[in-house]
Protein backbone atom coordinates (compact mmCIF):
# COMPACT_ATOMS: atom_id res chain seq x y z
CA MET A 1 25.16 36.64 -44.42
CA SER A 2 22.08 35.36 -46.17
CA ASP A 3 21.67 34.90 -49.88
CA ARG A 4 19.51 38.03 -50.03
CA THR A 5 22.09 40.20 -48.29
CA ASP A 6 24.76 38.78 -50.60
CA LEU A 7 22.60 39.65 -53.62
CA ALA A 8 22.03 43.20 -52.37
CA ARG A 9 25.72 43.73 -51.67
CA SER A 10 26.68 42.28 -55.08
CA ALA A 11 24.32 44.62 -56.92
CA LEU A 12 25.73 47.67 -55.09
CA GLU A 13 29.29 46.55 -55.70
CA LEU A 14 28.48 46.01 -59.39
CA TRP A 15 27.33 49.63 -59.54
CA ASN A 16 30.66 50.75 -58.11
CA THR A 17 32.55 48.95 -60.89
CA GLY A 18 31.04 51.43 -63.34
CA ALA A 19 28.24 49.21 -64.60
CA ARG A 20 25.42 51.45 -65.80
CA GLY A 21 23.68 49.46 -68.53
CA VAL A 22 20.40 47.66 -68.11
CA GLU A 23 22.15 44.51 -69.37
CA ASP A 24 24.40 44.69 -66.30
CA PHE A 25 21.51 44.75 -63.81
CA ALA A 26 18.76 42.83 -65.60
CA PRO A 27 20.10 39.43 -64.42
CA TYR A 28 19.47 40.57 -60.83
CA CYS A 29 15.90 41.73 -61.50
CA ASP A 30 12.54 40.09 -61.87
CA PRO A 31 11.11 41.16 -65.26
CA GLU A 32 8.27 42.93 -63.41
CA CYS A 33 10.46 44.62 -60.78
CA GLU A 34 9.55 48.02 -59.39
CA LEU A 35 12.03 50.72 -58.47
CA GLU A 36 11.18 53.83 -56.46
CA SER A 37 13.71 56.59 -55.96
CA PRO A 38 13.65 60.34 -55.44
CA PHE A 39 13.51 60.58 -59.26
CA SER A 40 10.34 58.48 -59.46
CA ALA A 41 8.80 60.60 -56.71
CA LEU A 42 8.98 63.53 -59.14
CA ALA A 43 7.20 61.48 -61.79
CA GLY A 44 4.62 60.24 -59.29
CA GLU A 45 5.07 56.54 -59.93
CA PRO A 46 7.76 53.87 -59.71
CA TYR A 47 9.89 52.69 -62.60
CA ARG A 48 8.55 49.30 -63.70
CA GLY A 49 10.16 46.31 -65.37
CA VAL A 50 13.39 46.19 -67.31
CA ALA A 51 12.28 49.17 -69.42
CA GLY A 52 11.75 51.18 -66.24
CA LEU A 53 15.17 50.16 -64.96
CA SER A 54 16.68 51.36 -68.24
CA THR A 55 14.88 54.70 -67.89
CA TRP A 56 16.09 55.11 -64.30
CA LEU A 57 19.69 54.40 -65.31
CA ARG A 58 19.39 56.93 -68.15
CA ASP A 59 17.89 59.54 -65.80
CA LEU A 60 20.78 59.12 -63.37
CA ASP A 61 23.35 59.30 -66.15
CA GLU A 62 21.80 62.54 -67.44
CA GLN A 63 22.10 64.16 -64.01
CA PHE A 64 25.39 62.79 -62.67
CA SER A 65 28.83 62.19 -64.15
CA GLU A 66 29.95 60.20 -61.09
CA TRP A 67 28.07 58.10 -58.55
CA HIS A 68 29.73 55.88 -55.96
CA ILE A 69 27.98 53.97 -53.17
CA ALA A 70 30.03 53.36 -50.01
CA ILE A 71 28.22 50.49 -48.31
CA GLU A 72 27.94 50.99 -44.55
CA GLU A 73 25.53 48.20 -43.62
CA VAL A 74 23.47 45.46 -45.27
CA ARG A 75 21.01 43.53 -43.12
CA GLU A 76 17.84 41.52 -43.31
CA VAL A 77 14.76 42.92 -41.66
CA GLY A 78 11.89 40.46 -41.99
CA ASP A 79 11.44 39.72 -45.69
CA ALA A 80 13.39 42.82 -46.74
CA VAL A 81 17.04 43.75 -47.05
CA LEU A 82 18.04 47.16 -45.76
CA THR A 83 21.15 48.86 -47.07
CA LEU A 84 22.68 51.94 -45.50
CA SER A 85 25.32 53.79 -47.47
CA THR A 86 27.06 57.04 -48.21
CA VAL A 87 26.69 58.27 -51.77
CA ARG A 88 29.35 60.39 -53.43
CA ALA A 89 28.25 61.94 -56.70
CA ARG A 90 29.10 64.75 -59.11
CA GLY A 91 26.53 66.76 -61.02
CA ARG A 92 26.95 66.37 -64.76
CA SER A 93 26.31 69.97 -65.79
CA SER A 94 27.32 71.76 -62.59
CA GLY A 95 30.34 69.66 -61.66
CA ALA A 96 29.23 70.05 -58.03
CA ALA A 97 30.39 67.33 -55.66
CA LEU A 98 27.70 65.79 -53.46
CA GLU A 99 27.96 63.49 -50.47
CA PHE A 100 24.93 62.22 -48.59
CA ASP A 101 23.65 59.27 -46.60
CA ALA A 102 21.08 57.09 -48.31
CA ALA A 103 19.18 53.90 -47.65
CA ALA A 104 17.44 51.30 -49.74
CA ILE A 105 14.93 48.59 -49.03
CA MET A 106 15.12 45.61 -51.36
CA ARG A 107 12.74 42.69 -51.70
CA PHE A 108 13.53 39.50 -53.58
CA SER A 109 11.56 36.63 -55.11
CA ASP A 110 12.06 33.06 -53.93
CA GLU A 111 14.30 32.68 -57.00
CA GLY A 112 16.59 35.44 -55.72
CA LEU A 113 15.53 38.13 -58.18
CA LEU A 114 14.91 41.70 -57.12
CA THR A 115 11.17 42.39 -57.16
CA ARG A 116 11.13 45.79 -55.47
CA LEU A 117 13.73 48.44 -54.69
CA ARG A 118 12.97 51.64 -52.87
CA ILE A 119 15.76 54.17 -52.49
CA TYR A 120 15.46 56.75 -49.75
CA ALA A 121 17.34 60.05 -49.61
CA GLN A 122 16.49 60.18 -45.90
CA VAL A 123 17.76 57.23 -43.88
CA ASP A 124 15.18 57.81 -41.13
CA GLU A 125 12.35 57.32 -43.67
CA ALA A 126 13.71 53.90 -44.64
CA LEU A 127 14.12 52.89 -41.02
CA ALA A 128 10.56 54.02 -40.22
CA ALA A 129 9.21 52.05 -43.21
CA LEU A 130 10.64 48.93 -41.56
CA GLY A 131 9.55 49.89 -38.03
CA LEU A 132 13.10 50.70 -36.94
CA GLU A 133 14.74 53.68 -35.29
CA ARG A 134 18.26 55.01 -35.52
């Protein structure tokens, strides 16, 4: 495994420990990092910087009482790291259990800090973004 795949795996595993505060994830992130997720698609722009990361974490916490990422695969593709996973979540107000496949593309600075994270609800979209097929 490369340093970048180790960093990606560590960040996902940190999430699964119950870490949800910006102080937990800020050490992994470049101060100007960008995060795109299905939530940011609704807003029309990515979350930016540590303040954006904090907003994203708050948005997730408002919607879900549980969120676990079962890591299936972490691999380098060019200058990116692709993660494939199964997400198990529970809606905060509905209590509905959800399970779905997801993917993320992460990019890191030379210093090993996350500069860009894009989370995909559709695995095929992430693969296509990297020129890959299932």
